[in-house]
N, C-alpha and C. Protein backbone atom coordinates (compact mmCIF):
# COMPACT_ATOMS: atom_id res chain seq x y z
N MET A 1 13.08 -2.74 -14.80
CA MET A 1 12.74 -1.55 -15.54
C MET A 1 12.49 -0.40 -14.56
N THR A 2 12.93 0.78 -14.91
CA THR A 2 12.73 1.96 -14.07
C THR A 2 11.52 2.73 -14.58
N TYR A 3 10.59 2.97 -13.69
CA TYR A 3 9.36 3.70 -14.03
C TYR A 3 9.43 5.10 -13.43
N GLN A 4 8.77 6.03 -14.10
CA GLN A 4 8.63 7.37 -13.54
C GLN A 4 7.21 7.50 -13.00
N ILE A 5 7.12 7.74 -11.70
CA ILE A 5 5.82 7.82 -11.03
C ILE A 5 5.28 9.24 -11.08
N TYR A 6 6.14 10.21 -10.78
CA TYR A 6 5.73 11.60 -10.69
C TYR A 6 6.38 12.43 -11.79
N SER A 7 5.69 13.48 -12.23
CA SER A 7 6.26 14.37 -13.24
C SER A 7 7.33 15.27 -12.65
N SER A 8 7.27 15.52 -11.35
CA SER A 8 8.26 16.36 -10.69
C SER A 8 9.52 15.54 -10.38
N PRO A 9 10.67 15.92 -10.93
CA PRO A 9 11.91 15.17 -10.66
C PRO A 9 12.27 15.15 -9.17
N GLU A 10 11.98 16.25 -8.47
CA GLU A 10 12.31 16.32 -7.04
C GLU A 10 11.47 15.31 -6.25
N ARG A 11 10.20 15.26 -6.57
CA ARG A 11 9.32 14.32 -5.85
C ARG A 11 9.69 12.88 -6.20
N GLU A 12 10.02 12.64 -7.44
CA GLU A 12 10.46 11.30 -7.87
C GLU A 12 11.72 10.89 -7.11
N GLN A 13 12.65 11.82 -6.97
CA GLN A 13 13.90 11.52 -6.26
C GLN A 13 13.63 11.22 -4.79
N ARG A 14 12.74 12.00 -4.15
CA ARG A 14 12.41 11.74 -2.74
C ARG A 14 11.80 10.35 -2.56
N LEU A 15 10.97 9.93 -3.52
CA LEU A 15 10.34 8.62 -3.43
C LEU A 15 11.39 7.51 -3.49
N ARG A 16 12.43 7.71 -4.28
CA ARG A 16 13.43 6.67 -4.50
C ARG A 16 14.56 6.71 -3.47
N GLU A 17 14.53 7.66 -2.56
CA GLU A 17 15.52 7.71 -1.48
C GLU A 17 14.92 7.05 -0.24
N GLY A 18 15.76 6.79 0.72
CA GLY A 18 15.26 6.23 1.97
C GLY A 18 15.09 4.72 1.90
N PRO A 19 14.52 4.16 2.95
CA PRO A 19 14.46 2.70 3.06
C PRO A 19 13.58 2.01 2.02
N LEU A 20 12.59 2.70 1.48
CA LEU A 20 11.68 2.06 0.53
C LEU A 20 12.05 2.32 -0.93
N GLY A 21 13.02 3.19 -1.15
CA GLY A 21 13.39 3.58 -2.51
C GLY A 21 13.76 2.42 -3.42
N ALA A 22 14.42 1.43 -2.88
CA ALA A 22 14.88 0.30 -3.69
C ALA A 22 13.72 -0.59 -4.17
N PHE A 23 12.54 -0.40 -3.61
CA PHE A 23 11.41 -1.28 -3.93
C PHE A 23 10.37 -0.62 -4.82
N VAL A 24 10.61 0.61 -5.25
CA VAL A 24 9.62 1.35 -6.03
C VAL A 24 9.28 0.62 -7.32
N ASP A 25 10.29 0.26 -8.09
CA ASP A 25 10.01 -0.37 -9.39
C ASP A 25 9.34 -1.73 -9.23
N GLU A 26 9.72 -2.47 -8.21
CA GLU A 26 9.06 -3.76 -7.97
C GLU A 26 7.59 -3.55 -7.59
N MET A 27 7.32 -2.51 -6.80
CA MET A 27 5.94 -2.20 -6.44
C MET A 27 5.14 -1.81 -7.69
N VAL A 28 5.76 -1.06 -8.59
CA VAL A 28 5.08 -0.70 -9.84
C VAL A 28 4.73 -1.98 -10.60
N ASP A 29 5.68 -2.90 -10.69
CA ASP A 29 5.42 -4.17 -11.38
C ASP A 29 4.24 -4.90 -10.75
N VAL A 30 4.20 -4.95 -9.42
CA VAL A 30 3.11 -5.63 -8.72
C VAL A 30 1.77 -4.96 -9.04
N LEU A 31 1.74 -3.63 -8.98
CA LEU A 31 0.50 -2.91 -9.26
C LEU A 31 0.05 -3.12 -10.71
N LEU A 32 1.00 -3.07 -11.65
CA LEU A 32 0.65 -3.27 -13.05
C LEU A 32 0.16 -4.70 -13.29
N GLU A 33 0.78 -5.67 -12.64
CA GLU A 33 0.34 -7.07 -12.75
C GLU A 33 -1.09 -7.23 -12.23
N LYS A 34 -1.44 -6.45 -11.23
CA LYS A 34 -2.79 -6.53 -10.65
C LYS A 34 -3.81 -5.75 -11.48
N GLY A 35 -3.34 -5.11 -12.55
CA GLY A 35 -4.26 -4.44 -13.46
C GLY A 35 -4.45 -2.96 -13.25
N TYR A 36 -3.67 -2.35 -12.36
CA TYR A 36 -3.80 -0.91 -12.15
C TYR A 36 -3.20 -0.18 -13.35
N PRO A 37 -3.87 0.84 -13.86
CA PRO A 37 -3.31 1.60 -14.98
C PRO A 37 -2.15 2.48 -14.52
N LYS A 38 -1.23 2.75 -15.44
CA LYS A 38 -0.08 3.61 -15.11
C LYS A 38 -0.53 4.99 -14.64
N SER A 39 -1.67 5.43 -15.14
CA SER A 39 -2.15 6.77 -14.80
C SER A 39 -2.51 6.92 -13.32
N CYS A 40 -2.74 5.82 -12.61
CA CYS A 40 -3.11 5.94 -11.19
C CYS A 40 -1.94 5.60 -10.26
N LEU A 41 -0.75 5.39 -10.80
CA LEU A 41 0.39 5.02 -9.96
C LEU A 41 0.74 6.11 -8.95
N SER A 42 0.68 7.37 -9.38
CA SER A 42 1.05 8.44 -8.44
C SER A 42 0.09 8.47 -7.25
N THR A 43 -1.18 8.18 -7.48
CA THR A 43 -2.15 8.13 -6.39
C THR A 43 -1.82 6.98 -5.45
N ARG A 44 -1.49 5.83 -6.01
CA ARG A 44 -1.17 4.65 -5.21
C ARG A 44 0.12 4.84 -4.41
N PHE A 45 1.05 5.60 -4.96
CA PHE A 45 2.34 5.76 -4.28
C PHE A 45 2.35 6.87 -3.24
N ALA A 46 1.28 7.61 -3.11
CA ALA A 46 1.24 8.68 -2.10
C ALA A 46 1.46 8.11 -0.70
N VAL A 47 0.84 6.98 -0.40
CA VAL A 47 1.00 6.38 0.93
C VAL A 47 2.40 5.80 1.09
N THR A 48 2.97 5.26 0.02
CA THR A 48 4.34 4.73 0.08
C THR A 48 5.33 5.86 0.33
N GLU A 49 5.12 6.97 -0.34
CA GLU A 49 5.98 8.14 -0.16
C GLU A 49 5.90 8.65 1.28
N GLU A 50 4.69 8.71 1.83
CA GLU A 50 4.52 9.17 3.21
C GLU A 50 5.16 8.20 4.20
N LEU A 51 5.00 6.90 3.98
CA LEU A 51 5.63 5.90 4.84
C LEU A 51 7.14 6.04 4.79
N ASN A 52 7.69 6.25 3.62
CA ASN A 52 9.13 6.43 3.46
C ASN A 52 9.62 7.63 4.28
N ARG A 53 8.91 8.76 4.18
CA ARG A 53 9.29 9.96 4.96
C ARG A 53 9.15 9.69 6.45
N TRP A 54 8.10 8.99 6.85
CA TRP A 54 7.85 8.67 8.26
C TRP A 54 8.99 7.82 8.80
N LEU A 55 9.44 6.83 8.04
CA LEU A 55 10.55 5.98 8.47
C LEU A 55 11.84 6.79 8.58
N ILE A 56 12.09 7.68 7.64
CA ILE A 56 13.30 8.51 7.67
C ILE A 56 13.27 9.43 8.88
N ARG A 57 12.14 10.11 9.12
CA ARG A 57 12.05 11.04 10.26
C ARG A 57 12.29 10.33 11.59
N ARG A 58 11.82 9.11 11.69
CA ARG A 58 11.96 8.36 12.94
C ARG A 58 13.20 7.47 12.97
N LYS A 59 13.97 7.53 11.89
CA LYS A 59 15.22 6.74 11.78
C LYS A 59 14.96 5.25 12.03
N ILE A 60 13.89 4.75 11.42
CA ILE A 60 13.52 3.34 11.55
C ILE A 60 14.03 2.59 10.32
N LYS A 61 14.77 1.53 10.56
CA LYS A 61 15.26 0.69 9.46
C LYS A 61 14.20 -0.35 9.14
N LEU A 62 14.24 -0.84 7.90
CA LEU A 62 13.24 -1.83 7.48
C LEU A 62 13.24 -3.05 8.38
N CYS A 63 14.41 -3.49 8.79
CA CYS A 63 14.49 -4.70 9.63
C CYS A 63 13.82 -4.50 10.99
N ASN A 64 13.55 -3.25 11.36
CA ASN A 64 12.91 -2.96 12.65
C ASN A 64 11.41 -2.70 12.53
N ILE A 65 10.86 -2.90 11.34
CA ILE A 65 9.42 -2.70 11.17
C ILE A 65 8.70 -3.95 11.65
N ASP A 66 7.78 -3.75 12.56
CA ASP A 66 6.92 -4.84 13.02
C ASP A 66 5.48 -4.35 12.96
N GLN A 67 4.55 -5.20 13.35
CA GLN A 67 3.14 -4.84 13.23
C GLN A 67 2.78 -3.62 14.06
N SER A 68 3.39 -3.45 15.22
CA SER A 68 3.05 -2.29 16.05
C SER A 68 3.48 -0.99 15.36
N ARG A 69 4.63 -1.01 14.69
CA ARG A 69 5.07 0.19 13.96
C ARG A 69 4.19 0.44 12.74
N ILE A 70 3.79 -0.62 12.08
CA ILE A 70 2.88 -0.47 10.95
C ILE A 70 1.57 0.16 11.42
N ASP A 71 1.05 -0.33 12.54
CA ASP A 71 -0.19 0.22 13.09
C ASP A 71 -0.02 1.69 13.48
N ARG A 72 1.14 2.04 14.05
CA ARG A 72 1.40 3.45 14.41
C ARG A 72 1.41 4.33 13.17
N PHE A 73 2.05 3.85 12.10
CA PHE A 73 2.07 4.64 10.87
C PHE A 73 0.66 4.83 10.33
N ILE A 74 -0.13 3.77 10.33
CA ILE A 74 -1.49 3.87 9.80
C ILE A 74 -2.30 4.88 10.61
N ARG A 75 -2.17 4.87 11.93
CA ARG A 75 -2.87 5.87 12.75
C ARG A 75 -2.39 7.28 12.40
N HIS A 76 -1.07 7.43 12.25
CA HIS A 76 -0.49 8.72 11.86
C HIS A 76 -1.07 9.18 10.52
N TYR A 77 -1.11 8.28 9.56
CA TYR A 77 -1.56 8.62 8.22
C TYR A 77 -3.06 8.95 8.21
N ARG A 78 -3.82 8.20 8.96
CA ARG A 78 -5.27 8.44 9.01
C ARG A 78 -5.60 9.79 9.63
N LYS A 79 -4.76 10.25 10.55
CA LYS A 79 -4.99 11.58 11.13
C LYS A 79 -4.86 12.66 10.07
N GLN A 80 -3.97 12.41 9.10
CA GLN A 80 -3.72 13.42 8.06
C GLN A 80 -4.69 13.30 6.89
N ARG A 81 -5.06 12.09 6.56
CA ARG A 81 -5.87 11.85 5.36
C ARG A 81 -6.88 10.74 5.63
N SER A 82 -7.81 10.59 4.71
CA SER A 82 -8.73 9.47 4.78
C SER A 82 -8.19 8.33 3.93
N MET A 83 -7.76 7.26 4.58
CA MET A 83 -7.17 6.14 3.84
C MET A 83 -8.20 5.41 2.98
N ARG A 84 -9.46 5.56 3.25
CA ARG A 84 -10.47 4.84 2.49
C ARG A 84 -10.63 5.38 1.08
N LYS A 85 -10.32 6.64 0.89
CA LYS A 85 -10.63 7.28 -0.38
C LYS A 85 -9.81 6.75 -1.54
N ARG A 86 -8.60 6.31 -1.30
CA ARG A 86 -7.74 5.93 -2.41
C ARG A 86 -7.19 4.51 -2.31
N GLY A 87 -7.70 3.72 -1.42
CA GLY A 87 -7.26 2.34 -1.32
C GLY A 87 -5.85 2.18 -0.78
N GLU A 88 -5.44 3.07 0.11
CA GLU A 88 -4.08 3.01 0.63
C GLU A 88 -3.79 1.73 1.40
N THR A 89 -4.80 1.19 2.07
CA THR A 89 -4.55 -0.04 2.84
C THR A 89 -4.18 -1.19 1.90
N VAL A 90 -4.80 -1.24 0.74
CA VAL A 90 -4.46 -2.27 -0.24
C VAL A 90 -3.02 -2.06 -0.72
N THR A 91 -2.66 -0.82 -1.00
CA THR A 91 -1.29 -0.52 -1.44
C THR A 91 -0.28 -0.90 -0.37
N LEU A 92 -0.58 -0.58 0.89
CA LEU A 92 0.33 -0.95 1.98
C LEU A 92 0.46 -2.46 2.10
N ASP A 93 -0.66 -3.17 1.97
CA ASP A 93 -0.61 -4.63 2.04
C ASP A 93 0.30 -5.19 0.94
N LEU A 94 0.19 -4.64 -0.26
CA LEU A 94 1.05 -5.09 -1.36
C LEU A 94 2.51 -4.76 -1.09
N LEU A 95 2.77 -3.55 -0.58
CA LEU A 95 4.14 -3.15 -0.26
C LEU A 95 4.74 -4.06 0.80
N PHE A 96 4.00 -4.32 1.87
CA PHE A 96 4.53 -5.17 2.93
C PHE A 96 4.73 -6.59 2.43
N GLY A 97 3.91 -7.03 1.49
CA GLY A 97 4.13 -8.34 0.87
C GLY A 97 5.45 -8.39 0.13
N VAL A 98 5.76 -7.33 -0.62
CA VAL A 98 7.05 -7.25 -1.33
C VAL A 98 8.20 -7.26 -0.33
N LEU A 99 8.09 -6.47 0.73
CA LEU A 99 9.16 -6.40 1.73
C LEU A 99 9.35 -7.74 2.43
N ARG A 100 8.26 -8.43 2.71
CA ARG A 100 8.37 -9.74 3.36
C ARG A 100 9.00 -10.77 2.43
N THR A 101 8.68 -10.69 1.15
CA THR A 101 9.26 -11.61 0.16
C THR A 101 10.78 -11.50 0.15
N HIS A 102 11.28 -10.29 0.30
CA HIS A 102 12.73 -10.06 0.31
C HIS A 102 13.35 -10.31 1.68
N GLY A 103 12.52 -10.54 2.69
CA GLY A 103 13.04 -10.77 4.03
C GLY A 103 13.44 -9.49 4.74
N ASP A 104 12.98 -8.35 4.23
CA ASP A 104 13.34 -7.06 4.83
C ASP A 104 12.53 -6.73 6.07
N ILE A 105 11.35 -7.31 6.17
CA ILE A 105 10.57 -7.17 7.40
C ILE A 105 10.15 -8.57 7.82
N PRO A 106 9.91 -8.76 9.11
CA PRO A 106 9.60 -10.11 9.60
C PRO A 106 8.30 -10.65 9.01
N PRO A 107 8.23 -11.98 8.88
CA PRO A 107 6.98 -12.58 8.39
C PRO A 107 5.85 -12.32 9.37
N ILE A 108 4.65 -12.36 8.84
CA ILE A 108 3.49 -12.11 9.69
C ILE A 108 3.16 -13.34 10.52
N GLU A 109 2.61 -13.07 11.69
CA GLU A 109 2.19 -14.16 12.56
C GLU A 109 0.82 -14.66 12.11
N ALA A 110 0.35 -15.73 12.73
CA ALA A 110 -0.91 -16.36 12.31
C ALA A 110 -2.08 -15.39 12.28
N LYS A 111 -2.23 -14.58 13.35
CA LYS A 111 -3.35 -13.63 13.39
C LYS A 111 -3.20 -12.60 12.29
N GLU A 112 -1.97 -12.17 12.06
CA GLU A 112 -1.72 -11.18 11.02
C GLU A 112 -1.91 -11.77 9.64
N ALA A 113 -1.76 -13.09 9.50
CA ALA A 113 -1.93 -13.73 8.21
C ALA A 113 -3.33 -13.50 7.67
N SER A 114 -4.33 -13.59 8.54
CA SER A 114 -5.69 -13.37 8.06
C SER A 114 -5.86 -11.93 7.57
N GLU A 115 -5.20 -10.98 8.23
CA GLU A 115 -5.26 -9.58 7.79
C GLU A 115 -4.61 -9.43 6.42
N CYS A 116 -3.51 -10.15 6.19
CA CYS A 116 -2.84 -10.12 4.89
C CYS A 116 -3.75 -10.73 3.82
N GLU A 117 -4.39 -11.83 4.16
CA GLU A 117 -5.31 -12.47 3.22
C GLU A 117 -6.49 -11.54 2.91
N ILE A 118 -6.95 -10.83 3.91
CA ILE A 118 -8.03 -9.86 3.69
C ILE A 118 -7.54 -8.79 2.72
N GLY A 119 -6.31 -8.31 2.93
CA GLY A 119 -5.75 -7.30 2.04
C GLY A 119 -5.64 -7.80 0.61
N GLN A 120 -5.20 -9.04 0.45
CA GLN A 120 -5.09 -9.61 -0.89
C GLN A 120 -6.47 -9.76 -1.53
N THR A 121 -7.44 -10.21 -0.74
CA THR A 121 -8.80 -10.35 -1.25
C THR A 121 -9.36 -8.99 -1.66
N LEU A 122 -9.11 -7.98 -0.85
CA LEU A 122 -9.58 -6.63 -1.18
C LEU A 122 -8.91 -6.11 -2.44
N GLY A 123 -7.63 -6.45 -2.63
CA GLY A 123 -6.94 -6.05 -3.85
C GLY A 123 -7.59 -6.64 -5.09
N LEU A 124 -7.93 -7.91 -5.02
CA LEU A 124 -8.61 -8.57 -6.14
C LEU A 124 -10.01 -7.99 -6.36
N TYR A 125 -10.70 -7.73 -5.25
CA TYR A 125 -12.04 -7.16 -5.34
C TYR A 125 -11.98 -5.75 -5.92
N ASN A 126 -10.98 -4.97 -5.51
CA ASN A 126 -10.78 -3.63 -6.05
C ASN A 126 -10.58 -3.70 -7.56
N GLN A 127 -9.73 -4.61 -7.99
CA GLN A 127 -9.46 -4.77 -9.42
C GLN A 127 -10.74 -5.14 -10.17
N TYR A 128 -11.51 -6.05 -9.61
CA TYR A 128 -12.78 -6.46 -10.23
C TYR A 128 -13.74 -5.28 -10.34
N LEU A 129 -13.89 -4.51 -9.27
CA LEU A 129 -14.82 -3.38 -9.28
C LEU A 129 -14.44 -2.34 -10.32
N VAL A 130 -13.13 -2.10 -10.46
CA VAL A 130 -12.67 -1.09 -11.42
C VAL A 130 -12.73 -1.63 -12.84
N ASP A 131 -12.12 -2.81 -13.05
CA ASP A 131 -11.99 -3.34 -14.41
C ASP A 131 -13.29 -3.92 -14.96
N GLU A 132 -13.95 -4.75 -14.18
CA GLU A 132 -15.13 -5.45 -14.68
C GLU A 132 -16.41 -4.64 -14.53
N GLN A 133 -16.54 -3.94 -13.41
CA GLN A 133 -17.77 -3.20 -13.15
C GLN A 133 -17.69 -1.74 -13.58
N GLY A 134 -16.46 -1.23 -13.75
CA GLY A 134 -16.29 0.15 -14.20
C GLY A 134 -16.76 1.19 -13.20
N LEU A 135 -16.66 0.87 -11.91
CA LEU A 135 -17.14 1.80 -10.88
C LEU A 135 -16.15 2.94 -10.66
N SER A 136 -16.66 4.05 -10.17
CA SER A 136 -15.81 5.20 -9.87
C SER A 136 -14.99 4.93 -8.61
N LEU A 137 -13.90 5.70 -8.44
CA LEU A 137 -13.03 5.51 -7.27
C LEU A 137 -13.79 5.74 -5.96
N GLY A 138 -14.70 6.71 -5.95
CA GLY A 138 -15.48 6.97 -4.74
C GLY A 138 -16.35 5.79 -4.36
N THR A 139 -17.00 5.21 -5.35
CA THR A 139 -17.85 4.04 -5.09
C THR A 139 -17.00 2.85 -4.66
N VAL A 140 -15.88 2.64 -5.34
CA VAL A 140 -14.99 1.53 -5.00
C VAL A 140 -14.49 1.67 -3.57
N SER A 141 -14.11 2.88 -3.17
CA SER A 141 -13.59 3.06 -1.81
C SER A 141 -14.66 2.74 -0.76
N GLN A 142 -15.91 3.10 -1.05
CA GLN A 142 -17.00 2.77 -0.12
C GLN A 142 -17.20 1.25 -0.04
N TYR A 143 -17.20 0.59 -1.19
CA TYR A 143 -17.35 -0.86 -1.21
C TYR A 143 -16.23 -1.53 -0.44
N LEU A 144 -14.99 -1.07 -0.67
CA LEU A 144 -13.84 -1.68 0.00
C LEU A 144 -13.89 -1.47 1.50
N SER A 145 -14.32 -0.30 1.92
CA SER A 145 -14.42 0.01 3.35
C SER A 145 -15.39 -0.95 4.04
N HIS A 146 -16.57 -1.11 3.45
CA HIS A 146 -17.57 -2.01 4.04
C HIS A 146 -17.12 -3.46 3.98
N THR A 147 -16.50 -3.84 2.87
CA THR A 147 -16.05 -5.22 2.71
C THR A 147 -14.94 -5.54 3.70
N ARG A 148 -14.00 -4.60 3.92
CA ARG A 148 -12.92 -4.83 4.89
C ARG A 148 -13.52 -5.04 6.29
N ARG A 149 -14.47 -4.19 6.66
CA ARG A 149 -15.10 -4.33 7.97
C ARG A 149 -15.78 -5.70 8.10
N PHE A 150 -16.48 -6.11 7.06
CA PHE A 150 -17.16 -7.39 7.08
C PHE A 150 -16.16 -8.54 7.19
N LEU A 151 -15.13 -8.54 6.36
CA LEU A 151 -14.15 -9.62 6.38
C LEU A 151 -13.39 -9.67 7.70
N SER A 152 -13.08 -8.51 8.26
CA SER A 152 -12.38 -8.47 9.55
C SER A 152 -13.25 -9.07 10.65
N HIS A 153 -14.54 -8.82 10.56
CA HIS A 153 -15.46 -9.37 11.56
C HIS A 153 -15.60 -10.89 11.41
N VAL A 154 -15.67 -11.36 10.17
CA VAL A 154 -15.86 -12.78 9.90
C VAL A 154 -14.61 -13.59 10.22
N PHE A 155 -13.44 -13.05 9.86
CA PHE A 155 -12.19 -13.78 10.06
C PHE A 155 -11.47 -13.25 11.27
């Protein structure tokens, strides 16, 4: 199924071009399965859109994405915005999971596996905080930030 993320046709077209364009609808399915409402999809896709532009500008193909490039993008993105405010790390974890499922990026190594598990746990925790507890996005982002730090330290 084809979903419309943005009301602007130009922005929608930019999202669907480039190396990540083919995965937009699958990412929507993943987010909807995790309980995210359609109304917050544009917020969740902001980081995907920026990653897509970053890959295009640097002429990086999906098969050449490794953890060091992912880390470089995250540093680039954090310089521009606060990733904690909108749960972008959870969205990126979900996106990279989709890409790994298709074999478009290499599987994660053992150390990276714990980071992926942390991302999945945070995704479930995010869903719980929003759906079950009814917390605001600002509160959820603070909880996720502290929880990520704690889980990274423990694992």
